[in-house]
């Protein structure tokens, strides 16, 4: 109930910023300045794909796993260092508190168990019941059995889907709702109309909406924003953020 109440309170503020949509750094680990560019541009959410392993290897495909490229080395440790440097915040802008979205590629039960082990010593960095400005961890991809979500620690939330059915307790563990853009683009009627109906459904659940597999250019960003999509999925974080900032000005 606590998470739902907090979300209900902040949702109107997010929706009011129609000209400043939230930015999701898609496959952030593939960027030339992984994490740093998203952090500098105050991305709402930062995505990393992971596989099972002690430090959770980061890669889009299993064949691309490289020693040393892990969630711990590339994201968790830098975030912990920033919180120490900024006295309980991720940056000197104390209002900024991003989401770390972890896309699990396989064996979710093992990955989540390992993640809990890695995060539990740093509750002040990754648990918003301890620190309201903590980084919120959200699991996507292979997310495990929906009915088991509430069995994991409360500081771990999940990336929901518009057609999944949640009871009230499970809905509280849903951070936002995501879906593929292609489910709405390949139809005869208006893409914008279909997106607006999806937005209405998701907002009726009290959640924000993100779409993946979207075109990544200003025209597409405008379509998504004008349709009411809250979180813009992009590989071009700086360009997208600056585009909307310039429009808002």
C-alpha atoms as a PDB file:
ATOM      1  CA  UNK A   1       0.000   0.000   0.000  1.00  0.00           C
ATOM      2  CA  UNK A   2       2.908   2.332   0.779  1.00  0.00           C
ATOM      3  CA  UNK A   3       4.295   2.076  -2.785  1.00  0.00           C
ATOM      4  CA  UNK A   4       0.868   2.599  -4.350  1.00  0.00           C
ATOM      5  CA  UNK A   5       0.215   5.700  -2.237  1.00  0.00           C
ATOM      6  CA  UNK A   6       3.587   7.196  -3.131  1.00  0.00           C
ATOM      7  CA  UNK A   7       2.963   6.506  -6.820  1.00  0.00           C
ATOM      8  CA  UNK A   8      -0.504   8.044  -6.762  1.00  0.00           C
ATOM      9  CA  UNK A   9       1.001  11.174  -5.244  1.00  0.00           C
ATOM     10  CA  UNK A  10       3.785  11.522  -7.820  1.00  0.00           C
ATOM     11  CA  UNK A  11       1.913  10.370 -10.943  1.00  0.00           C
ATOM     12  CA  UNK A  12       0.105  13.703 -11.561  1.00  0.00           C
ATOM     13  CA  UNK A  13       3.428  15.550 -11.372  1.00  0.00           C
ATOM     14  CA  UNK A  14       4.962  13.256 -13.992  1.00  0.00           C
ATOM     15  CA  UNK A  15       1.951  13.489 -16.296  1.00  0.00           C
ATOM     16  CA  UNK A  16       1.953  17.274 -16.049  1.00  0.00           C
ATOM     17  CA  UNK A  17       5.381  17.344 -17.677  1.00  0.00           C
ATOM     18  CA  UNK A  18       3.985  16.481 -21.099  1.00  0.00           C
ATOM     19  CA  UNK A  19       6.740  18.425 -22.864  1.00  0.00           C
ATOM     20  CA  UNK A  20       9.445  16.805 -20.754  1.00  0.00           C
ATOM     21  CA  UNK A  21       8.875  13.059 -20.999  1.00  0.00           C
ATOM     22  CA  UNK A  22      10.925  10.692 -18.935  1.00  0.00           C
ATOM     23  CA  UNK A  23      13.908   9.181 -20.741  1.00  0.00           C
ATOM     24  CA  UNK A  24      14.834   5.483 -20.679  1.00  0.00           C
ATOM     25  CA  UNK A  25      18.436   4.678 -21.634  1.00  0.00           C
ATOM     26  CA  UNK A  26      17.888   1.522 -23.676  1.00  0.00           C
ATOM     27  CA  UNK A  27      20.741  -1.036 -23.592  1.00  0.00           C
ATOM     28  CA  UNK A  28      22.813   1.540 -21.761  1.00  0.00           C
ATOM     29  CA  UNK A  29      25.806  -0.820 -21.540  1.00  0.00           C
ATOM     30  CA  UNK A  30      26.176  -0.589 -25.355  1.00  0.00           C
ATOM     31  CA  UNK A  31      26.754   3.170 -25.218  1.00  0.00           C
ATOM     32  CA  UNK A  32      30.203   4.717 -25.599  1.00  0.00           C
ATOM     33  CA  UNK A  33      29.802   6.281 -22.139  1.00  0.00           C
ATOM     34  CA  UNK A  34      27.799   3.626 -20.361  1.00  0.00           C
ATOM     35  CA  UNK A  35      26.005   4.817 -17.226  1.00  0.00           C
ATOM     36  CA  UNK A  36      27.822   8.181 -17.181  1.00  0.00           C
ATOM     37  CA  UNK A  37      25.945   9.669 -20.132  1.00  0.00           C
ATOM     38  CA  UNK A  38      22.564   8.535 -18.816  1.00  0.00           C
ATOM     39  CA  UNK A  39      23.426   9.783 -15.328  1.00  0.00           C
ATOM     40  CA  UNK A  40      24.685  13.138 -16.623  1.00  0.00           C
ATOM     41  CA  UNK A  41      21.484  13.605 -18.639  1.00  0.00           C
ATOM     42  CA  UNK A  42      19.347  12.513 -15.688  1.00  0.00           C
ATOM     43  CA  UNK A  43      17.697   9.620 -17.466  1.00  0.00           C
ATOM     44  CA  UNK A  44      14.662   8.356 -15.588  1.00  0.00           C
ATOM     45  CA  UNK A  45      15.703   4.733 -16.107  1.00  0.00           C
ATOM     46  CA  UNK A  46      18.927   3.007 -17.141  1.00  0.00           C
ATOM     47  CA  UNK A  47      18.845  -0.502 -18.639  1.00  0.00           C
ATOM     48  CA  UNK A  48      21.355  -3.348 -18.419  1.00  0.00           C
ATOM     49  CA  UNK A  49      20.882  -6.920 -19.687  1.00  0.00           C
ATOM     50  CA  UNK A  50      22.281  -9.593 -17.366  1.00  0.00           C
ATOM     51  CA  UNK A  51      22.978 -13.334 -17.217  1.00  0.00           C
ATOM     52  CA  UNK A  52      23.450 -15.591 -14.187  1.00  0.00           C
ATOM     53  CA  UNK A  53      26.840 -15.407 -12.475  1.00  0.00           C
ATOM     54  CA  UNK A  54      28.542 -14.166  -9.317  1.00  0.00           C
ATOM     55  CA  UNK A  55      28.707 -10.529 -10.434  1.00  0.00           C
ATOM     56  CA  UNK A  56      25.938 -10.842 -13.065  1.00  0.00           C
ATOM     57  CA  UNK A  57      27.599 -10.608 -16.508  1.00  0.00           C
ATOM     58  CA  UNK A  58      26.201  -7.873 -18.745  1.00  0.00           C
ATOM     59  CA  UNK A  59      25.579  -8.630 -22.437  1.00  0.00           C
ATOM     60  CA  UNK A  60      22.750  -8.674 -24.951  1.00  0.00           C
ATOM     61  CA  UNK A  61      23.663 -12.152 -26.191  1.00  0.00           C
ATOM     62  CA  UNK A  62      25.313 -14.912 -24.190  1.00  0.00           C
ATOM     63  CA  UNK A  63      28.081 -15.266 -26.784  1.00  0.00           C
ATOM     64  CA  UNK A  64      29.100 -11.662 -26.060  1.00  0.00           C
ATOM     65  CA  UNK A  65      29.771 -12.149 -22.340  1.00  0.00           C
ATOM     66  CA  UNK A  66      33.185 -10.648 -21.561  1.00  0.00           C
ATOM     67  CA  UNK A  67      35.215 -11.048 -18.340  1.00  0.00           C
ATOM     68  CA  UNK A  68      34.949  -7.936 -16.177  1.00  0.00           C
ATOM     69  CA  UNK A  69      31.809  -6.624 -17.863  1.00  0.00           C
ATOM     70  CA  UNK A  70      29.367  -7.213 -15.033  1.00  0.00           C
ATOM     71  CA  UNK A  71      26.501  -5.417 -13.355  1.00  0.00           C
ATOM     72  CA  UNK A  72      28.646  -4.992 -10.262  1.00  0.00           C
ATOM     73  CA  UNK A  73      31.577  -3.390 -12.078  1.00  0.00           C
ATOM     74  CA  UNK A  74      29.624  -1.329 -14.594  1.00  0.00           C
ATOM     75  CA  UNK A  75      26.667  -0.142 -12.493  1.00  0.00           C
ATOM     76  CA  UNK A  76      26.432  -1.158  -8.841  1.00  0.00           C
ATOM     77  CA  UNK A  77      29.925  -0.085  -7.777  1.00  0.00           C
ATOM     78  CA  UNK A  78      29.821   3.289  -9.593  1.00  0.00           C
ATOM     79  CA  UNK A  79      26.396   4.004  -8.081  1.00  0.00           C
ATOM     80  CA  UNK A  80      27.606   3.145  -4.577  1.00  0.00           C
ATOM     81  CA  UNK A  81      30.619   5.436  -5.042  1.00  0.00           C
ATOM     82  CA  UNK A  82      28.388   8.300  -6.175  1.00  0.00           C
ATOM     83  CA  UNK A  83      26.136   7.898  -3.133  1.00  0.00           C
ATOM     84  CA  UNK A  84      29.140   8.137  -0.835  1.00  0.00           C
ATOM     85  CA  UNK A  85      30.460  11.176  -2.677  1.00  0.00           C
ATOM     86  CA  UNK A  86      27.074  12.956  -2.677  1.00  0.00           C
ATOM     87  CA  UNK A  87      26.082  12.074   0.900  1.00  0.00           C
ATOM     88  CA  UNK A  88      23.151   9.773   0.206  1.00  0.00           C
ATOM     89  CA  UNK A  89      22.266  10.971  -3.299  1.00  0.00           C
ATOM     90  CA  UNK A  90      23.370   9.828  -6.734  1.00  0.00           C
ATOM     91  CA  UNK A  91      24.318  13.354  -7.795  1.00  0.00           C
ATOM     92  CA  UNK A  92      24.615  16.875  -6.444  1.00  0.00           C
ATOM     93  CA  UNK A  93      21.061  17.408  -7.719  1.00  0.00           C
ATOM     94  CA  UNK A  94      19.359  15.921  -4.691  1.00  0.00           C
ATOM     95  CA  UNK A  95      16.024  15.615  -6.547  1.00  0.00           C
ATOM     96  CA  UNK A  96      17.435  13.091  -9.024  1.00  0.00           C
ATOM     97  CA  UNK A  97      16.697   9.449  -8.171  1.00  0.00           C
ATOM     98  CA  UNK A  98      16.823   7.115 -11.203  1.00  0.00           C
ATOM     99  CA  UNK A  99      15.658   3.599 -11.886  1.00  0.00           C
ATOM    100  CA  UNK A 100      18.145   0.822 -12.662  1.00  0.00           C
ATOM    101  CA  UNK A 101      16.235  -1.548 -14.927  1.00  0.00           C
ATOM    102  CA  UNK A 102      17.818  -4.996 -15.027  1.00  0.00           C
ATOM    103  CA  UNK A 103      16.711  -7.065 -18.011  1.00  0.00           C
ATOM    104  CA  UNK A 104      17.206 -10.728 -17.078  1.00  0.00           C
ATOM    105  CA  UNK A 105      18.060 -12.854 -20.108  1.00  0.00           C
ATOM    106  CA  UNK A 106      17.748 -16.314 -18.508  1.00  0.00           C
ATOM    107  CA  UNK A 107      17.326 -18.207 -15.225  1.00  0.00           C
ATOM    108  CA  UNK A 108      15.512 -15.440 -13.386  1.00  0.00           C
ATOM    109  CA  UNK A 109      15.321 -17.268 -10.049  1.00  0.00           C
ATOM    110  CA  UNK A 110      19.114 -17.549  -9.850  1.00  0.00           C
ATOM    111  CA  UNK A 111      19.650 -13.978 -11.032  1.00  0.00           C
ATOM    112  CA  UNK A 112      17.179 -12.466  -8.566  1.00  0.00           C
ATOM    113  CA  UNK A 113      18.655 -14.454  -5.675  1.00  0.00           C
ATOM    114  CA  UNK A 114      22.145 -13.246  -6.598  1.00  0.00           C
ATOM    115  CA  UNK A 115      20.901  -9.695  -6.984  1.00  0.00           C
ATOM    116  CA  UNK A 116      19.373  -9.739  -3.503  1.00  0.00           C
ATOM    117  CA  UNK A 117      22.716 -10.919  -2.150  1.00  0.00           C
ATOM    118  CA  UNK A 118      24.518  -8.070  -3.913  1.00  0.00           C
ATOM    119  CA  UNK A 119      22.061  -5.322  -2.951  1.00  0.00           C
ATOM    120  CA  UNK A 120      21.248  -6.226   0.653  1.00  0.00           C
ATOM    121  CA  UNK A 121      24.427  -4.677   2.153  1.00  0.00           C
ATOM    122  CA  UNK A 122      23.563  -1.358   0.446  1.00  0.00           C
ATOM    123  CA  UNK A 123      19.955  -0.755   1.387  1.00  0.00           C
ATOM    124  CA  UNK A 124      20.664   2.977   1.774  1.00  0.00           C
ATOM    125  CA  UNK A 125      21.592   3.047  -1.926  1.00  0.00           C
ATOM    126  CA  UNK A 126      18.962   0.691  -3.377  1.00  0.00           C
ATOM    127  CA  UNK A 127      15.981   0.739  -1.003  1.00  0.00           C
ATOM    128  CA  UNK A 128      13.620   3.717  -1.016  1.00  0.00           C
ATOM    129  CA  UNK A 129      12.085   2.715   2.298  1.00  0.00           C
ATOM    130  CA  UNK A 130      15.529   3.401   3.800  1.00  0.00           C
ATOM    131  CA  UNK A 131      16.505   6.345   1.596  1.00  0.00           C
ATOM    132  CA  UNK A 132      13.804   8.076  -0.460  1.00  0.00           C
ATOM    133  CA  UNK A 133      16.446   9.079  -3.027  1.00  0.00           C
ATOM    134  CA  UNK A 134      17.797   5.562  -3.487  1.00  0.00           C
ATOM    135  CA  UNK A 135      18.103   4.015  -6.934  1.00  0.00           C
ATOM    136  CA  UNK A 136      15.013   1.916  -7.609  1.00  0.00           C
ATOM    137  CA  UNK A 137      15.809  -1.531  -9.003  1.00  0.00           C
ATOM    138  CA  UNK A 138      13.249  -2.800 -11.524  1.00  0.00           C
ATOM    139  CA  UNK A 139      13.418  -6.242 -13.139  1.00  0.00           C
ATOM    140  CA  UNK A 140      12.435  -6.808 -16.755  1.00  0.00           C
ATOM    141  CA  UNK A 141      12.933  -9.513 -19.363  1.00  0.00           C
ATOM    142  CA  UNK A 142      12.614 -12.947 -17.767  1.00  0.00           C
ATOM    143  CA  UNK A 143      10.953 -11.734 -14.566  1.00  0.00           C
ATOM    144  CA  UNK A 144      10.072 -15.032 -12.911  1.00  0.00           C
ATOM    145  CA  UNK A 145       6.569 -16.134 -11.980  1.00  0.00           C
ATOM    146  CA  UNK A 146       4.287 -13.137 -11.436  1.00  0.00           C
ATOM    147  CA  UNK A 147       2.650 -14.814  -8.426  1.00  0.00           C
ATOM    148  CA  UNK A 148       6.067 -15.062  -6.741  1.00  0.00           C
ATOM    149  CA  UNK A 149       6.999 -11.385  -7.055  1.00  0.00           C
ATOM    150  CA  UNK A 150       5.817 -10.512  -3.570  1.00  0.00           C
ATOM    151  CA  UNK A 151       8.161 -13.135  -2.101  1.00  0.00           C
ATOM    152  CA  UNK A 152      11.218 -11.076  -3.009  1.00  0.00           C
ATOM    153  CA  UNK A 153      12.434  -8.116  -0.884  1.00  0.00           C
ATOM    154  CA  UNK A 154      10.269  -5.029  -1.223  1.00  0.00           C
ATOM    155  CA  UNK A 155      13.102  -2.941  -2.697  1.00  0.00           C
ATOM    156  CA  UNK A 156      12.880  -4.993  -5.904  1.00  0.00           C
ATOM    157  CA  UNK A 157      10.078  -3.955  -8.278  1.00  0.00           C
ATOM    158  CA  UNK A 158       9.048  -5.358 -11.648  1.00  0.00           C
ATOM    159  CA  UNK A 159       8.373  -4.171 -15.192  1.00  0.00           C
ATOM    160  CA  UNK A 160       4.717  -5.008 -15.835  1.00  0.00           C
ATOM    161  CA  UNK A 161       2.776  -5.811 -19.007  1.00  0.00           C
ATOM    162  CA  UNK A 162      -0.615  -4.332 -19.996  1.00  0.00           C
ATOM    163  CA  UNK A 163      -2.360  -7.690 -20.382  1.00  0.00           C
ATOM    164  CA  UNK A 164      -1.079  -9.352 -17.221  1.00  0.00           C
ATOM    165  CA  UNK A 165      -3.534  -9.748 -14.355  1.00  0.00           C
ATOM    166  CA  UNK A 166      -2.325  -8.597 -10.934  1.00  0.00           C
ATOM    167  CA  UNK A 167      -3.884  -8.840  -7.524  1.00  0.00           C
ATOM    168  CA  UNK A 168      -3.573  -5.746  -5.330  1.00  0.00           C
ATOM    169  CA  UNK A 169      -0.393  -6.900  -3.583  1.00  0.00           C
ATOM    170  CA  UNK A 170       1.365  -7.779  -6.831  1.00  0.00           C
ATOM    171  CA  UNK A 171       0.307  -4.522  -8.501  1.00  0.00           C
ATOM    172  CA  UNK A 172       2.162  -2.667  -5.766  1.00  0.00           C
ATOM    173  CA  UNK A 173       5.338  -4.389  -6.937  1.00  0.00           C
ATOM    174  CA  UNK A 174       4.894  -3.141 -10.520  1.00  0.00           C
ATOM    175  CA  UNK A 175       7.055  -0.078 -11.158  1.00  0.00           C
ATOM    176  CA  UNK A 176       5.614   0.733 -14.576  1.00  0.00           C
ATOM    177  CA  UNK A 177       4.079  -1.002 -17.590  1.00  0.00           C
ATOM    178  CA  UNK A 178       5.979  -1.808 -20.791  1.00  0.00           C
ATOM    179  CA  UNK A 179       5.044  -3.280 -24.153  1.00  0.00           C
ATOM    180  CA  UNK A 180       6.389  -3.572 -27.694  1.00  0.00           C
ATOM    181  CA  UNK A 181       5.632  -0.670 -30.004  1.00  0.00           C
ATOM    182  CA  UNK A 182       5.225  -3.191 -32.823  1.00  0.00           C
ATOM    183  CA  UNK A 183       2.045  -4.487 -31.188  1.00  0.00           C
ATOM    184  CA  UNK A 184       0.446  -1.135 -32.033  1.00  0.00           C
ATOM    185  CA  UNK A 185       2.280  -0.008 -35.193  1.00  0.00           C
ATOM    186  CA  UNK A 186       1.271  -2.822 -37.553  1.00  0.00           C
ATOM    187  CA  UNK A 187      -2.454  -2.173 -37.661  1.00  0.00           C
ATOM    188  CA  UNK A 188      -4.808  -0.481 -40.069  1.00  0.00           C
ATOM    189  CA  UNK A 189      -6.289   2.057 -37.673  1.00  0.00           C
ATOM    190  CA  UNK A 190      -4.466   5.038 -36.210  1.00  0.00           C
ATOM    191  CA  UNK A 191      -1.256   4.259 -34.346  1.00  0.00           C
ATOM    192  CA  UNK A 192      -1.810   7.342 -32.226  1.00  0.00           C
ATOM    193  CA  UNK A 193      -5.338   6.253 -31.378  1.00  0.00           C
ATOM    194  CA  UNK A 194      -4.182   2.781 -30.361  1.00  0.00           C
ATOM    195  CA  UNK A 195      -1.420   4.263 -28.230  1.00  0.00           C
ATOM    196  CA  UNK A 196      -3.838   6.662 -26.555  1.00  0.00           C
ATOM    197  CA  UNK A 197      -6.148   3.778 -25.647  1.00  0.00           C
ATOM    198  CA  UNK A 198      -3.184   1.901 -24.201  1.00  0.00           C
ATOM    199  CA  UNK A 199      -2.122   4.982 -22.248  1.00  0.00           C
ATOM    200  CA  UNK A 200      -5.640   5.320 -20.813  1.00  0.00           C
ATOM    201  CA  UNK A 201      -5.604   1.684 -19.718  1.00  0.00           C
ATOM    202  CA  UNK A 202      -2.164   1.923 -18.101  1.00  0.00           C
ATOM    203  CA  UNK A 203      -2.891   5.221 -16.362  1.00  0.00           C
ATOM    204  CA  UNK A 204      -6.100   3.644 -15.087  1.00  0.00           C
ATOM    205  CA  UNK A 205      -3.863   1.142 -13.329  1.00  0.00           C
ATOM    206  CA  UNK A 206      -1.991   4.049 -11.748  1.00  0.00           C
ATOM    207  CA  UNK A 207       1.177   3.301 -13.712  1.00  0.00           C
ATOM    208  CA  UNK A 208       3.494   4.952 -16.213  1.00  0.00           C
ATOM    209  CA  UNK A 209       3.890   3.511 -19.727  1.00  0.00           C
ATOM    210  CA  UNK A 210       7.058   2.629 -21.661  1.00  0.00           C
ATOM    211  CA  UNK A 211       7.285   1.074 -25.123  1.00  0.00           C
ATOM    212  CA  UNK A 212      10.268  -0.791 -26.509  1.00  0.00           C
ATOM    213  CA  UNK A 213      11.242  -1.404 -30.177  1.00  0.00           C
ATOM    214  CA  UNK A 214      10.227   2.167 -31.032  1.00  0.00           C
ATOM    215  CA  UNK A 215      11.689   4.208 -33.895  1.00  0.00           C
ATOM    216  CA  UNK A 216      14.432   6.386 -32.435  1.00  0.00           C
ATOM    217  CA  UNK A 217      14.114   9.821 -34.006  1.00  0.00           C
ATOM    218  CA  UNK A 218      12.411  13.154 -33.238  1.00  0.00           C
ATOM    219  CA  UNK A 219       9.255  12.322 -35.215  1.00  0.00           C
ATOM    220  CA  UNK A 220       8.769   9.113 -33.251  1.00  0.00           C
ATOM    221  CA  UNK A 221       9.574  10.827 -29.947  1.00  0.00           C
ATOM    222  CA  UNK A 222       6.902  13.432 -30.724  1.00  0.00           C
ATOM    223  CA  UNK A 223       4.332  10.760 -31.625  1.00  0.00           C
ATOM    224  CA  UNK A 224       4.955   8.906 -28.383  1.00  0.00           C
ATOM    225  CA  UNK A 225       4.890  12.069 -26.306  1.00  0.00           C
ATOM    226  CA  UNK A 226       1.730  13.427 -27.959  1.00  0.00           C
ATOM    227  CA  UNK A 227       0.040  10.045 -27.494  1.00  0.00           C
ATOM    228  CA  UNK A 228       0.715  10.232 -23.774  1.00  0.00           C
ATOM    229  CA  UNK A 229       3.498   7.641 -23.488  1.00  0.00           C
ATOM    230  CA  UNK A 230       5.325   8.604 -20.315  1.00  0.00           C
ATOM    231  CA  UNK A 231       8.775   7.047 -20.773  1.00  0.00           C
ATOM    232  CA  UNK A 232      10.621   7.425 -24.084  1.00  0.00           C
ATOM    233  CA  UNK A 233      12.833   4.450 -24.963  1.00  0.00           C
ATOM    234  CA  UNK A 234      16.010   5.658 -26.703  1.00  0.00           C
ATOM    235  CA  UNK A 235      19.607   4.825 -27.565  1.00  0.00           C
ATOM    236  CA  UNK A 236      20.213   8.570 -28.023  1.00  0.00           C
ATOM    237  CA  UNK A 237      19.849   9.862 -24.482  1.00  0.00           C
ATOM    238  CA  UNK A 238      21.566  13.229 -24.910  1.00  0.00           C
ATOM    239  CA  UNK A 239      19.876  13.978 -28.231  1.00  0.00           C
ATOM    240  CA  UNK A 240      16.434  12.989 -26.976  1.00  0.00           C
ATOM    241  CA  UNK A 241      16.747  14.874 -23.700  1.00  0.00           C
ATOM    242  CA  UNK A 242      18.018  18.026 -25.437  1.00  0.00           C
ATOM    243  CA  UNK A 243      15.286  17.803 -28.072  1.00  0.00           C
ATOM    244  CA  UNK A 244      12.515  17.959 -25.498  1.00  0.00           C
ATOM    245  CA  UNK A 245      14.296  20.548 -23.374  1.00  0.00           C
ATOM    246  CA  UNK A 246      14.613  22.834 -26.407  1.00  0.00           C
ATOM    247  CA  UNK A 247      10.919  22.328 -27.269  1.00  0.00           C
ATOM    248  CA  UNK A 248       9.889  23.106 -23.706  1.00  0.00           C
ATOM    249  CA  UNK A 249      11.880  26.328 -23.728  1.00  0.00           C
END
